[in-house]
Protein backbone atom coordinates (compact mmCIF):
# COMPACT_ATOMS: atom_id res chain seq x y z
CA ALA A 1 0.00 0.00 0.00
CA SER A 2 1.08 3.58 -0.47
CA GLN A 3 0.55 6.85 1.36
CA ALA A 4 -1.74 9.63 0.09
CA TRP A 5 0.10 12.80 -0.99
CA ALA A 6 -1.18 16.19 -2.08
CA PRO A 7 0.77 18.63 -4.27
CA GLY A 8 3.10 20.62 -2.03
CA ASP A 9 3.38 17.98 0.72
CA ARG A 10 6.91 17.71 2.10
CA ILE A 11 8.34 14.29 1.30
CA TYR A 12 11.00 12.58 3.38
CA TRP A 13 13.26 9.55 2.93
CA ASP A 14 12.74 6.83 5.56
CA ASN A 15 16.07 5.01 5.54
CA THR A 16 14.82 2.25 7.87
CA ALA A 17 11.85 1.32 5.65
CA ARG A 18 13.76 2.26 2.45
CA GLN A 19 10.86 4.31 1.08
CA THR A 20 9.51 7.84 0.88
CA THR A 21 7.02 9.18 3.41
CA LYS A 22 5.24 12.30 4.63
CA THR A 23 6.37 11.51 8.20
CA LEU A 24 9.03 13.89 9.51
CA THR A 25 10.23 11.90 12.55
CA ALA A 26 13.94 11.00 12.09
CA ASN A 27 13.61 11.15 8.30
CA THR A 28 15.44 13.32 5.76
CA LEU A 29 13.57 15.92 3.68
CA ILE A 30 14.10 15.18 -0.02
CA GLY A 31 11.58 17.50 -1.69
CA VAL A 32 7.91 18.25 -2.25
CA ALA A 33 5.17 16.29 -4.00
CA THR A 34 4.29 17.69 -7.42
CA GLU A 35 1.18 15.54 -8.00
CA ALA A 36 -1.52 13.95 -5.89
CA VAL A 37 -1.21 10.27 -4.99
CA ALA A 38 -4.40 8.51 -3.86
CA GLY A 39 -2.69 6.14 -1.43
CA GLY A 40 -4.35 2.91 -2.53
CA ALA A 41 -2.75 -0.48 -3.08
CA THR A 42 -2.16 0.24 -6.78
CA ASP A 43 -0.82 3.81 -6.29
CA LEU A 44 2.89 3.03 -6.22
CA ILE A 45 4.45 6.02 -7.99
CA GLY A 46 4.69 9.55 -6.61
CA ARG A 47 6.44 12.52 -8.21
CA VAL A 48 8.73 14.65 -6.05
CA ARG A 49 10.61 17.86 -6.84
CA LEU A 50 14.11 17.16 -5.54
CA ASN A 51 15.77 20.57 -5.54
CA GLY A 52 16.13 23.17 -2.81
CA ALA A 53 13.14 25.28 -3.90
CA PHE A 54 10.69 23.84 -1.40
């Protein structure tokens, strides 16, 4: 399953789970979501802007 994202959500790298997340706790900010992701079992791809212009 995936996590629902809205455009502009801050996205972090969870090194323990080896996946991206919206959860800040102990994770590293990598960018912001550029498109919505529904968060269902088949929603496996999210687009993230990776530069410093958050």
